């Protein structure tokens, strides 16, 4: 008669801990690449031609800048916003209201 082998709980615990580790580093906000709703900020491929040469402030840090064809930009609630670099644009896209509030208080 065959004996049934008792499996150790170690693989189950290891899988559980691995799952918890993955969940703890998962993003808690909507990533920029899935911003497809009009209520969410979206990346603009390039600024509209009418805005080229315009003087504005970076929506992230408030620094003065001039819009060029390669200026990182986003659209939110029907308005275009411009940034010093892509990392600032991506932070804005993740939480636009946070940065609009900060800009209003500067």
PDB file of N, CA and C in Angstrom:
ATOM      1  N   UNK A   1       0.831  -1.175   0.000  1.00  0.00           N
ATOM      2  CA  UNK A   1       0.000   0.000   0.000  1.00  0.00           C
ATOM      3  C   UNK A   1       0.880   1.245   0.000  1.00  0.00           C
ATOM      4  N   UNK A   2       0.526   2.227  -0.827  1.00  0.00           N
ATOM      5  CA  UNK A   2       1.336   3.443  -0.936  1.00  0.00           C
ATOM      6  C   UNK A   2       0.984   4.408   0.182  1.00  0.00           C
ATOM      7  N   UNK A   3       1.997   4.953   0.701  1.00  0.00           N
ATOM      8  CA  UNK A   3       1.797   5.979   1.712  1.00  0.00           C
ATOM      9  C   UNK A   3       1.601   7.334   1.026  1.00  0.00           C
ATOM     10  N   UNK A   4       0.715   8.130   1.518  1.00  0.00           N
ATOM     11  CA  UNK A   4       0.587   9.474   0.947  1.00  0.00           C
ATOM     12  C   UNK A   4       1.659  10.351   1.580  1.00  0.00           C
ATOM     13  N   UNK A   5       2.299  11.111   0.727  1.00  0.00           N
ATOM     14  CA  UNK A   5       3.388  11.963   1.198  1.00  0.00           C
ATOM     15  C   UNK A   5       2.813  13.291   1.690  1.00  0.00           C
ATOM     16  N   UNK A   6       3.281  13.705   2.826  1.00  0.00           N
ATOM     17  CA  UNK A   6       2.842  14.973   3.376  1.00  0.00           C
ATOM     18  C   UNK A   6       3.743  16.078   2.812  1.00  0.00           C
ATOM     19  N   UNK A   7       3.124  17.027   2.133  1.00  0.00           N
ATOM     20  CA  UNK A   7       3.893  18.133   1.569  1.00  0.00           C
ATOM     21  C   UNK A   7       4.163  19.173   2.637  1.00  0.00           C
ATOM     22  N   UNK A   8       5.308  19.751   2.548  1.00  0.00           N
ATOM     23  CA  UNK A   8       5.678  20.799   3.488  1.00  0.00           C
ATOM     24  C   UNK A   8       4.888  22.075   3.181  1.00  0.00           C
ATOM     25  N   UNK A   9       4.680  22.873   4.164  1.00  0.00           N
ATOM     26  CA  UNK A   9       4.007  24.163   3.968  1.00  0.00           C
ATOM     27  C   UNK A   9       4.948  25.220   3.426  1.00  0.00           C
ATOM     28  N   UNK A  10       6.221  24.928   3.335  1.00  0.00           N
ATOM     29  CA  UNK A  10       7.209  25.906   2.884  1.00  0.00           C
ATOM     30  C   UNK A  10       6.892  26.481   1.495  1.00  0.00           C
ATOM     31  N   UNK A  11       6.595  25.681   0.465  1.00  0.00           N
ATOM     32  CA  UNK A  11       6.293  26.279  -0.840  1.00  0.00           C
ATOM     33  C   UNK A  11       5.064  27.188  -0.821  1.00  0.00           C
ATOM     34  N   UNK A  12       4.080  26.835  -0.018  1.00  0.00           N
ATOM     35  CA  UNK A  12       2.878  27.655   0.078  1.00  0.00           C
ATOM     36  C   UNK A  12       3.205  28.991   0.738  1.00  0.00           C
ATOM     37  N   UNK A  13       3.963  28.948   1.802  1.00  0.00           N
ATOM     38  CA  UNK A  13       4.359  30.179   2.491  1.00  0.00           C
ATOM     39  C   UNK A  13       5.228  31.048   1.589  1.00  0.00           C
ATOM     40  N   UNK A  14       6.126  30.425   0.852  1.00  0.00           N
ATOM     41  CA  UNK A  14       6.993  31.165  -0.062  1.00  0.00           C
ATOM     42  C   UNK A  14       6.167  31.868  -1.136  1.00  0.00           C
ATOM     43  N   UNK A  15       5.185  31.186  -1.700  1.00  0.00           N
ATOM     44  CA  UNK A  15       4.311  31.787  -2.710  1.00  0.00           C
ATOM     45  C   UNK A  15       3.507  32.942  -2.112  1.00  0.00           C
ATOM     46  N   UNK A  16       3.022  32.773  -0.901  1.00  0.00           N
ATOM     47  CA  UNK A  16       2.265  33.822  -0.222  1.00  0.00           C
ATOM     48  C   UNK A  16       3.129  35.058   0.004  1.00  0.00           C
ATOM     49  N   UNK A  17       4.341  34.883   0.494  1.00  0.00           N
ATOM     50  CA  UNK A  17       5.241  36.010   0.734  1.00  0.00           C
ATOM     51  C   UNK A  17       5.621  36.703  -0.571  1.00  0.00           C
ATOM     52  N   UNK A  18       5.843  35.936  -1.621  1.00  0.00           N
ATOM     53  CA  UNK A  18       6.170  36.510  -2.921  1.00  0.00           C
ATOM     54  C   UNK A  18       5.009  37.375  -3.419  1.00  0.00           C
ATOM     55  N   UNK A  19       3.788  36.881  -3.277  1.00  0.00           N
ATOM     56  CA  UNK A  19       2.607  37.640  -3.689  1.00  0.00           C
ATOM     57  C   UNK A  19       2.491  38.940  -2.909  1.00  0.00           C
ATOM     58  N   UNK A  20       2.702  38.888  -1.615  1.00  0.00           N
ATOM     59  CA  UNK A  20       2.657  40.101  -0.798  1.00  0.00           C
ATOM     60  C   UNK A  20       3.731  41.093  -1.230  1.00  0.00           C
ATOM     61  N   UNK A  21       4.914  40.611  -1.537  1.00  0.00           N
ATOM     62  CA  UNK A  21       5.994  41.494  -1.981  1.00  0.00           C
ATOM     63  C   UNK A  21       5.628  42.187  -3.286  1.00  0.00           C
ATOM     64  N   UNK A  22       5.065  41.463  -4.225  1.00  0.00           N
ATOM     65  CA  UNK A  22       4.659  42.043  -5.507  1.00  0.00           C
ATOM     66  C   UNK A  22       3.565  43.078  -5.296  1.00  0.00           C
ATOM     67  N   UNK A  23       2.580  42.773  -4.470  1.00  0.00           N
ATOM     68  CA  UNK A  23       1.489  43.708  -4.223  1.00  0.00           C
ATOM     69  C   UNK A  23       1.961  44.969  -3.522  1.00  0.00           C
ATOM     70  N   UNK A  24       2.978  44.864  -2.695  1.00  0.00           N
ATOM     71  CA  UNK A  24       3.455  46.039  -1.963  1.00  0.00           C
ATOM     72  C   UNK A  24       4.200  47.014  -2.859  1.00  0.00           C
ATOM     73  N   UNK A  25       4.726  46.562  -3.994  1.00  0.00           N
ATOM     74  CA  UNK A  25       5.434  47.471  -4.892  1.00  0.00           C
ATOM     75  C   UNK A  25       4.608  47.854  -6.109  1.00  0.00           C
ATOM     76  N   UNK A  26       3.385  47.350  -6.209  1.00  0.00           N
ATOM     77  CA  UNK A  26       2.513  47.687  -7.333  1.00  0.00           C
ATOM     78  C   UNK A  26       2.116  49.154  -7.239  1.00  0.00           C
ATOM     79  N   UNK A  27       1.988  49.846  -8.370  1.00  0.00           N
ATOM     80  CA  UNK A  27       1.600  51.257  -8.316  1.00  0.00           C
ATOM     81  C   UNK A  27       0.202  51.422  -7.744  1.00  0.00           C
ATOM     82  N   UNK A  28       0.031  52.468  -6.954  1.00  0.00           N
ATOM     83  CA  UNK A  28      -1.255  52.713  -6.323  1.00  0.00           C
ATOM     84  C   UNK A  28      -2.096  53.710  -7.110  1.00  0.00           C
ATOM     85  N   UNK A  29      -1.541  54.226  -8.205  1.00  0.00           N
ATOM     86  CA  UNK A  29      -2.281  55.188  -9.015  1.00  0.00           C
ATOM     87  C   UNK A  29      -2.321  54.710 -10.456  1.00  0.00           C
ATOM     88  N   UNK A  30      -3.094  55.400 -11.259  1.00  0.00           N
ATOM     89  CA  UNK A  30      -3.210  55.051 -12.666  1.00  0.00           C
ATOM     90  C   UNK A  30      -1.924  55.432 -13.396  1.00  0.00           C
ATOM     91  N   UNK A  31      -1.250  54.482 -14.016  1.00  0.00           N
ATOM     92  CA  UNK A  31      -0.036  54.825 -14.749  1.00  0.00           C
ATOM     93  C   UNK A  31      -0.346  55.714 -15.952  1.00  0.00           C
ATOM     94  N   UNK A  32       0.640  56.508 -16.360  1.00  0.00           N
ATOM     95  CA  UNK A  32       0.447  57.452 -17.463  1.00  0.00           C
ATOM     96  C   UNK A  32       0.024  56.752 -18.747  1.00  0.00           C
ATOM     97  N   UNK A  33       0.525  55.550 -19.000  1.00  0.00           N
ATOM     98  CA  UNK A  33       0.251  54.880 -20.264  1.00  0.00           C
ATOM     99  C   UNK A  33      -1.186  54.411 -20.405  1.00  0.00           C
ATOM    100  N   UNK A  34      -1.965  54.416 -19.336  1.00  0.00           N
ATOM    101  CA  UNK A  34      -3.349  53.991 -19.483  1.00  0.00           C
ATOM    102  C   UNK A  34      -4.318  55.145 -19.260  1.00  0.00           C
ATOM    103  N   UNK A  35      -3.835  56.363 -19.410  1.00  0.00           N
ATOM    104  CA  UNK A  35      -4.690  57.536 -19.243  1.00  0.00           C
ATOM    105  C   UNK A  35      -5.489  57.761 -20.521  1.00  0.00           C
ATOM    106  N   UNK A  36      -6.661  57.149 -20.611  1.00  0.00           N
ATOM    107  CA  UNK A  36      -7.450  57.255 -21.829  1.00  0.00           C
ATOM    108  C   UNK A  36      -8.820  57.873 -21.587  1.00  0.00           C
ATOM    109  N   UNK A  37      -9.078  58.331 -20.408  1.00  0.00           N
ATOM    110  CA  UNK A  37     -10.351  58.948 -20.076  1.00  0.00           C
ATOM    111  C   UNK A  37     -10.198  60.471 -20.138  1.00  0.00           C
ATOM    112  N   UNK A  38     -11.234  61.196 -20.579  1.00  0.00           N
ATOM    113  CA  UNK A  38     -11.119  62.649 -20.600  1.00  0.00           C
ATOM    114  C   UNK A  38     -10.931  63.248 -19.209  1.00  0.00           C
ATOM    115  N   UNK A  39     -11.306  62.515 -18.160  1.00  0.00           N
ATOM    116  CA  UNK A  39     -11.138  63.009 -16.800  1.00  0.00           C
ATOM    117  C   UNK A  39      -9.720  62.808 -16.294  1.00  0.00           C
ATOM    118  N   UNK A  40      -8.893  62.143 -17.077  1.00  0.00           N
ATOM    119  CA  UNK A  40      -7.512  61.861 -16.710  1.00  0.00           C
ATOM    120  C   UNK A  40      -6.598  62.639 -17.651  1.00  0.00           C
ATOM    121  N   UNK A  41      -5.495  63.134 -17.135  1.00  0.00           N
ATOM    122  CA  UNK A  41      -4.542  63.865 -17.973  1.00  0.00           C
ATOM    123  C   UNK A  41      -3.955  62.925 -19.015  1.00  0.00           C
ATOM    124  N   UNK A  42      -3.735  63.429 -20.213  1.00  0.00           N
ATOM    125  CA  UNK A  42      -3.159  62.635 -21.291  1.00  0.00           C
ATOM    126  C   UNK A  42      -1.922  63.323 -21.851  1.00  0.00           C
ATOM    127  N   UNK A  43      -0.990  62.514 -22.327  1.00  0.00           N
ATOM    128  CA  UNK A  43       0.239  63.023 -22.932  1.00  0.00           C
ATOM    129  C   UNK A  43      -0.078  63.539 -24.324  1.00  0.00           C
ATOM    130  N   UNK A  44       0.453  64.712 -24.648  1.00  0.00           N
ATOM    131  CA  UNK A  44       0.331  65.235 -26.004  1.00  0.00           C
ATOM    132  C   UNK A  44       1.572  64.825 -26.778  1.00  0.00           C
ATOM    133  N   UNK A  45       1.410  64.381 -28.018  1.00  0.00           N
ATOM    134  CA  UNK A  45       2.553  63.990 -28.840  1.00  0.00           C
ATOM    135  C   UNK A  45       3.484  65.180 -29.047  1.00  0.00           C
ATOM    136  N   UNK A  46       2.911  66.340 -29.260  1.00  0.00           N
ATOM    137  CA  UNK A  46       3.672  67.585 -29.370  1.00  0.00           C
ATOM    138  C   UNK A  46       2.704  68.734 -29.108  1.00  0.00           C
ATOM    139  N   UNK A  47       3.242  69.872 -28.691  1.00  0.00           N
ATOM    140  CA  UNK A  47       2.354  71.019 -28.433  1.00  0.00           C
ATOM    141  C   UNK A  47       1.652  71.474 -29.709  1.00  0.00           C
ATOM    142  N   UNK A  48       0.452  72.012 -29.586  1.00  0.00           N
ATOM    143  CA  UNK A  48      -0.228  72.559 -30.761  1.00  0.00           C
ATOM    144  C   UNK A  48       0.591  73.697 -31.376  1.00  0.00           C
ATOM    145  N   UNK A  49       0.529  73.845 -32.680  1.00  0.00           N
ATOM    146  CA  UNK A  49       1.306  74.861 -33.386  1.00  0.00           C
ATOM    147  C   UNK A  49       1.030  76.263 -32.837  1.00  0.00           C
ATOM    148  N   UNK A  50      -0.202  76.527 -32.425  1.00  0.00           N
ATOM    149  CA  UNK A  50      -0.556  77.856 -31.902  1.00  0.00           C
ATOM    150  C   UNK A  50       0.187  78.188 -30.606  1.00  0.00           C
ATOM    151  N   UNK A  51       0.630  77.171 -29.859  1.00  0.00           N
ATOM    152  CA  UNK A  51       1.309  77.403 -28.582  1.00  0.00           C
ATOM    153  C   UNK A  51       2.826  77.525 -28.715  1.00  0.00           C
ATOM    154  N   UNK A  52       3.387  77.186 -29.862  1.00  0.00           N
ATOM    155  CA  UNK A  52       4.840  77.251 -30.048  1.00  0.00           C
ATOM    156  C   UNK A  52       5.333  78.686 -29.859  1.00  0.00           C
ATOM    157  N   UNK A  53       6.397  78.850 -29.079  1.00  0.00           N
ATOM    158  CA  UNK A  53       6.972  80.165 -28.805  1.00  0.00           C
ATOM    159  C   UNK A  53       6.318  80.886 -27.644  1.00  0.00           C
ATOM    160  N   UNK A  54       5.227  80.360 -27.141  1.00  0.00           N
ATOM    161  CA  UNK A  54       4.496  80.980 -26.040  1.00  0.00           C
ATOM    162  C   UNK A  54       5.306  80.876 -24.739  1.00  0.00           C
ATOM    163  N   UNK A  55       5.263  81.904 -23.935  1.00  0.00           N
ATOM    164  CA  UNK A  55       5.889  81.894 -22.617  1.00  0.00           C
ATOM    165  C   UNK A  55       4.853  81.397 -21.614  1.00  0.00           C
ATOM    166  N   UNK A  56       5.254  80.450 -20.769  1.00  0.00           N
ATOM    167  CA  UNK A  56       4.339  79.888 -19.774  1.00  0.00           C
ATOM    168  C   UNK A  56       5.143  79.422 -18.570  1.00  0.00           C
ATOM    169  N   UNK A  57       4.474  78.841 -17.604  1.00  0.00           N
ATOM    170  CA  UNK A  57       5.147  78.259 -16.434  1.00  0.00           C
ATOM    171  C   UNK A  57       4.986  76.752 -16.470  1.00  0.00           C
ATOM    172  N   UNK A  58       6.000  76.048 -16.004  1.00  0.00           N
ATOM    173  CA  UNK A  58       5.925  74.601 -15.865  1.00  0.00           C
ATOM    174  C   UNK A  58       4.816  74.285 -14.861  1.00  0.00           C
ATOM    175  N   UNK A  59       3.894  73.423 -15.243  1.00  0.00           N
ATOM    176  CA  UNK A  59       2.770  73.076 -14.367  1.00  0.00           C
ATOM    177  C   UNK A  59       3.206  72.276 -13.148  1.00  0.00           C
ATOM    178  N   UNK A  60       4.438  71.749 -13.167  1.00  0.00           N
ATOM    179  CA  UNK A  60       4.940  70.945 -12.059  1.00  0.00           C
ATOM    180  C   UNK A  60       5.716  71.805 -11.059  1.00  0.00           C
ATOM    181  N   UNK A  61       6.709  72.559 -11.559  1.00  0.00           N
ATOM    182  CA  UNK A  61       7.599  73.291 -10.647  1.00  0.00           C
ATOM    183  C   UNK A  61       7.424  74.804 -10.688  1.00  0.00           C
ATOM    184  N   UNK A  62       6.684  75.316 -11.684  1.00  0.00           N
ATOM    185  CA  UNK A  62       6.432  76.743 -11.759  1.00  0.00           C
ATOM    186  C   UNK A  62       7.508  77.555 -12.465  1.00  0.00           C
ATOM    187  N   UNK A  63       8.539  76.887 -12.974  1.00  0.00           N
ATOM    188  CA  UNK A  63       9.621  77.591 -13.659  1.00  0.00           C
ATOM    189  C   UNK A  63       9.131  78.142 -15.008  1.00  0.00           C
ATOM    190  N   UNK A  64       9.593  79.345 -15.370  1.00  0.00           N
ATOM    191  CA  UNK A  64       9.208  79.940 -16.649  1.00  0.00           C
ATOM    192  C   UNK A  64       9.873  79.167 -17.785  1.00  0.00           C
ATOM    193  N   UNK A  65       9.098  78.925 -18.851  1.00  0.00           N
ATOM    194  CA  UNK A  65       9.659  78.245 -20.018  1.00  0.00           C
ATOM    195  C   UNK A  65       8.963  78.729 -21.281  1.00  0.00           C
ATOM    196  N   UNK A  66       9.620  78.498 -22.406  1.00  0.00           N
ATOM    197  CA  UNK A  66       9.060  78.818 -23.714  1.00  0.00           C
ATOM    198  C   UNK A  66       8.727  77.508 -24.415  1.00  0.00           C
ATOM    199  N   UNK A  67       7.526  77.424 -24.948  1.00  0.00           N
ATOM    200  CA  UNK A  67       7.055  76.195 -25.577  1.00  0.00           C
ATOM    201  C   UNK A  67       7.756  76.012 -26.923  1.00  0.00           C
ATOM    202  N   UNK A  68       8.398  74.847 -27.063  1.00  0.00           N
ATOM    203  CA  UNK A  68       9.036  74.456 -28.323  1.00  0.00           C
ATOM    204  C   UNK A  68       8.353  73.175 -28.798  1.00  0.00           C
ATOM    205  N   UNK A  69       8.696  72.727 -29.996  1.00  0.00           N
ATOM    206  CA  UNK A  69       8.008  71.543 -30.524  1.00  0.00           C
ATOM    207  C   UNK A  69       8.327  70.275 -29.739  1.00  0.00           C
ATOM    208  N   UNK A  70       9.425  70.262 -28.964  1.00  0.00           N
ATOM    209  CA  UNK A  70       9.762  69.078 -28.178  1.00  0.00           C
ATOM    210  C   UNK A  70       9.499  69.259 -26.676  1.00  0.00           C
ATOM    211  N   UNK A  71       8.792  70.322 -26.306  1.00  0.00           N
ATOM    212  CA  UNK A  71       8.473  70.561 -24.895  1.00  0.00           C
ATOM    213  C   UNK A  71       7.480  69.500 -24.410  1.00  0.00           C
ATOM    214  N   UNK A  72       7.800  68.793 -23.315  1.00  0.00           N
ATOM    215  CA  UNK A  72       6.851  67.804 -22.785  1.00  0.00           C
ATOM    216  C   UNK A  72       5.533  68.499 -22.423  1.00  0.00           C
ATOM    217  N   UNK A  73       4.429  67.889 -22.825  1.00  0.00           N
ATOM    218  CA  UNK A  73       3.135  68.518 -22.600  1.00  0.00           C
ATOM    219  C   UNK A  73       2.060  67.481 -22.293  1.00  0.00           C
ATOM    220  N   UNK A  74       0.982  67.969 -21.696  1.00  0.00           N
ATOM    221  CA  UNK A  74      -0.152  67.111 -21.357  1.00  0.00           C
ATOM    222  C   UNK A  74      -1.419  67.933 -21.486  1.00  0.00           C
ATOM    223  N   UNK A  75      -2.533  67.236 -21.615  1.00  0.00           N
ATOM    224  CA  UNK A  75      -3.830  67.892 -21.645  1.00  0.00           C
ATOM    225  C   UNK A  75      -4.647  67.367 -20.474  1.00  0.00           C
ATOM    226  N   UNK A  76      -5.285  68.287 -19.779  1.00  0.00           N
ATOM    227  CA  UNK A  76      -6.130  67.897 -18.650  1.00  0.00           C
ATOM    228  C   UNK A  76      -7.315  68.856 -18.598  1.00  0.00           C
ATOM    229  N   UNK A  77      -8.503  68.316 -18.542  1.00  0.00           N
ATOM    230  CA  UNK A  77      -9.748  69.092 -18.458  1.00  0.00           C
ATOM    231  C   UNK A  77      -9.815  70.143 -19.567  1.00  0.00           C
ATOM    232  N   UNK A  78      -9.365  69.759 -20.768  1.00  0.00           N
ATOM    233  CA  UNK A  78      -9.452  70.641 -21.920  1.00  0.00           C
ATOM    234  C   UNK A  78      -8.384  71.709 -22.018  1.00  0.00           C
ATOM    235  N   UNK A  79      -7.421  71.708 -21.116  1.00  0.00           N
ATOM    236  CA  UNK A  79      -6.356  72.710 -21.115  1.00  0.00           C
ATOM    237  C   UNK A  79      -5.002  72.033 -21.317  1.00  0.00           C
ATOM    238  N   UNK A  80      -4.093  72.723 -22.015  1.00  0.00           N
ATOM    239  CA  UNK A  80      -2.743  72.200 -22.243  1.00  0.00           C
ATOM    240  C   UNK A  80      -1.806  72.693 -21.140  1.00  0.00           C
ATOM    241  N   UNK A  81      -0.953  71.784 -20.672  1.00  0.00           N
ATOM    242  CA  UNK A  81       0.039  72.100 -19.651  1.00  0.00           C
ATOM    243  C   UNK A  81       1.406  71.710 -20.173  1.00  0.00           C
ATOM    244  N   UNK A  82       2.432  72.508 -19.811  1.00  0.00           N
ATOM    245  CA  UNK A  82       3.793  72.284 -20.302  1.00  0.00           C
ATOM    246  C   UNK A  82       4.739  72.104 -19.128  1.00  0.00           C
ATOM    247  N   UNK A  83       5.845  71.354 -19.392  1.00  0.00           N
ATOM    248  CA  UNK A  83       6.749  70.932 -18.327  1.00  0.00           C
ATOM    249  C   UNK A  83       8.207  71.081 -18.735  1.00  0.00           C
ATOM    250  N   UNK A  84       9.077  71.173 -17.727  1.00  0.00           N
ATOM    251  CA  UNK A  84      10.525  71.273 -17.968  1.00  0.00           C
ATOM    252  C   UNK A  84      11.076  69.971 -18.546  1.00  0.00           C
ATOM    253  N   UNK A  85      10.568  68.831 -18.072  1.00  0.00           N
ATOM    254  CA  UNK A  85      11.043  67.543 -18.581  1.00  0.00           C
ATOM    255  C   UNK A  85       9.948  66.478 -18.474  1.00  0.00           C
ATOM    256  N   UNK A  86      10.227  65.315 -19.041  1.00  0.00           N
ATOM    257  CA  UNK A  86       9.226  64.242 -19.102  1.00  0.00           C
ATOM    258  C   UNK A  86       8.888  63.667 -17.733  1.00  0.00           C
ATOM    259  N   UNK A  87       9.849  63.643 -16.817  1.00  0.00           N
ATOM    260  CA  UNK A  87       9.548  63.084 -15.493  1.00  0.00           C
ATOM    261  C   UNK A  87       8.545  63.962 -14.752  1.00  0.00           C
ATOM    262  N   UNK A  88       8.645  65.285 -14.926  1.00  0.00           N
ATOM    263  CA  UNK A  88       7.675  66.183 -14.306  1.00  0.00           C
ATOM    264  C   UNK A  88       6.295  65.999 -14.949  1.00  0.00           C
ATOM    265  N   UNK A  89       6.267  65.835 -16.265  1.00  0.00           N
ATOM    266  CA  UNK A  89       5.003  65.598 -16.963  1.00  0.00           C
ATOM    267  C   UNK A  89       4.354  64.310 -16.466  1.00  0.00           C
ATOM    268  N   UNK A  90       5.144  63.251 -16.314  1.00  0.00           N
ATOM    269  CA  UNK A  90       4.601  61.970 -15.872  1.00  0.00           C
ATOM    270  C   UNK A  90       4.064  62.046 -14.445  1.00  0.00           C
ATOM    271  N   UNK A  91       4.743  62.807 -13.578  1.00  0.00           N
ATOM    272  CA  UNK A  91       4.250  62.987 -12.207  1.00  0.00           C
ATOM    273  C   UNK A  91       2.920  63.751 -12.224  1.00  0.00           C
ATOM    274  N   UNK A  92       2.821  64.754 -13.083  1.00  0.00           N
ATOM    275  CA  UNK A  92       1.579  65.524 -13.222  1.00  0.00           C
ATOM    276  C   UNK A  92       0.450  64.632 -13.716  1.00  0.00           C
ATOM    277  N   UNK A  93       0.728  63.799 -14.692  1.00  0.00           N
ATOM    278  CA  UNK A  93      -0.306  62.927 -15.259  1.00  0.00           C
ATOM    279  C   UNK A  93      -0.861  61.979 -14.201  1.00  0.00           C
ATOM    280  N   UNK A  94      -0.003  61.502 -13.323  1.00  0.00           N
ATOM    281  CA  UNK A  94      -0.458  60.587 -12.273  1.00  0.00           C
ATOM    282  C   UNK A  94      -1.382  61.277 -11.269  1.00  0.00           C
ATOM    283  N   UNK A  95      -1.135  62.568 -10.974  1.00  0.00           N
ATOM    284  CA  UNK A  95      -1.916  63.300  -9.965  1.00  0.00           C
ATOM    285  C   UNK A  95      -2.077  64.763 -10.370  1.00  0.00           C
ATOM    286  N   UNK A  96      -2.821  65.054 -11.432  1.00  0.00           N
ATOM    287  CA  UNK A  96      -2.909  66.443 -11.907  1.00  0.00           C
ATOM    288  C   UNK A  96      -3.473  67.428 -10.881  1.00  0.00           C
ATOM    289  N   UNK A  97      -4.475  67.031 -10.131  1.00  0.00           N
ATOM    290  CA  UNK A  97      -5.080  67.956  -9.165  1.00  0.00           C
ATOM    291  C   UNK A  97      -4.081  68.397  -8.097  1.00  0.00           C
ATOM    292  N   UNK A  98      -3.196  67.496  -7.709  1.00  0.00           N
ATOM    293  CA  UNK A  98      -2.170  67.823  -6.710  1.00  0.00           C
ATOM    294  C   UNK A  98      -1.298  68.969  -7.211  1.00  0.00           C
ATOM    295  N   UNK A  99      -0.855  68.895  -8.450  1.00  0.00           N
ATOM    296  CA  UNK A  99       0.053  69.900  -8.978  1.00  0.00           C
ATOM    297  C   UNK A  99      -0.670  71.178  -9.381  1.00  0.00           C
ATOM    298  N   UNK A 100      -1.919  71.086  -9.809  1.00  0.00           N
ATOM    299  CA  UNK A 100      -2.678  72.294 -10.106  1.00  0.00           C
ATOM    300  C   UNK A 100      -2.931  73.088  -8.836  1.00  0.00           C
ATOM    301  N   UNK A 101      -3.192  72.379  -7.742  1.00  0.00           N
ATOM    302  CA  UNK A 101      -3.398  73.023  -6.444  1.00  0.00           C
ATOM    303  C   UNK A 101      -2.116  73.724  -5.983  1.00  0.00           C
ATOM    304  N   UNK A 102      -0.969  73.035  -6.138  1.00  0.00           N
ATOM    305  CA  UNK A 102       0.316  73.615  -5.739  1.00  0.00           C
ATOM    306  C   UNK A 102       0.630  74.844  -6.583  1.00  0.00           C
ATOM    307  N   UNK A 103       0.369  74.785  -7.881  1.00  0.00           N
ATOM    308  CA  UNK A 103       0.644  75.910  -8.765  1.00  0.00           C
ATOM    309  C   UNK A 103      -0.211  77.124  -8.412  1.00  0.00           C
ATOM    310  N   UNK A 104      -1.448  76.879  -7.998  1.00  0.00           N
ATOM    311  CA  UNK A 104      -2.340  77.976  -7.623  1.00  0.00           C
ATOM    312  C   UNK A 104      -1.861  78.680  -6.348  1.00  0.00           C
ATOM    313  N   UNK A 105      -1.128  77.952  -5.502  1.00  0.00           N
ATOM    314  CA  UNK A 105      -0.647  78.529  -4.236  1.00  0.00           C
ATOM    315  C   UNK A 105       0.736  79.149  -4.352  1.00  0.00           C
ATOM    316  N   UNK A 106       1.332  79.166  -5.532  1.00  0.00           N
ATOM    317  CA  UNK A 106       2.680  79.749  -5.694  1.00  0.00           C
ATOM    318  C   UNK A 106       2.589  81.217  -5.997  1.00  0.00           C
TER     319      UNK A 106
END
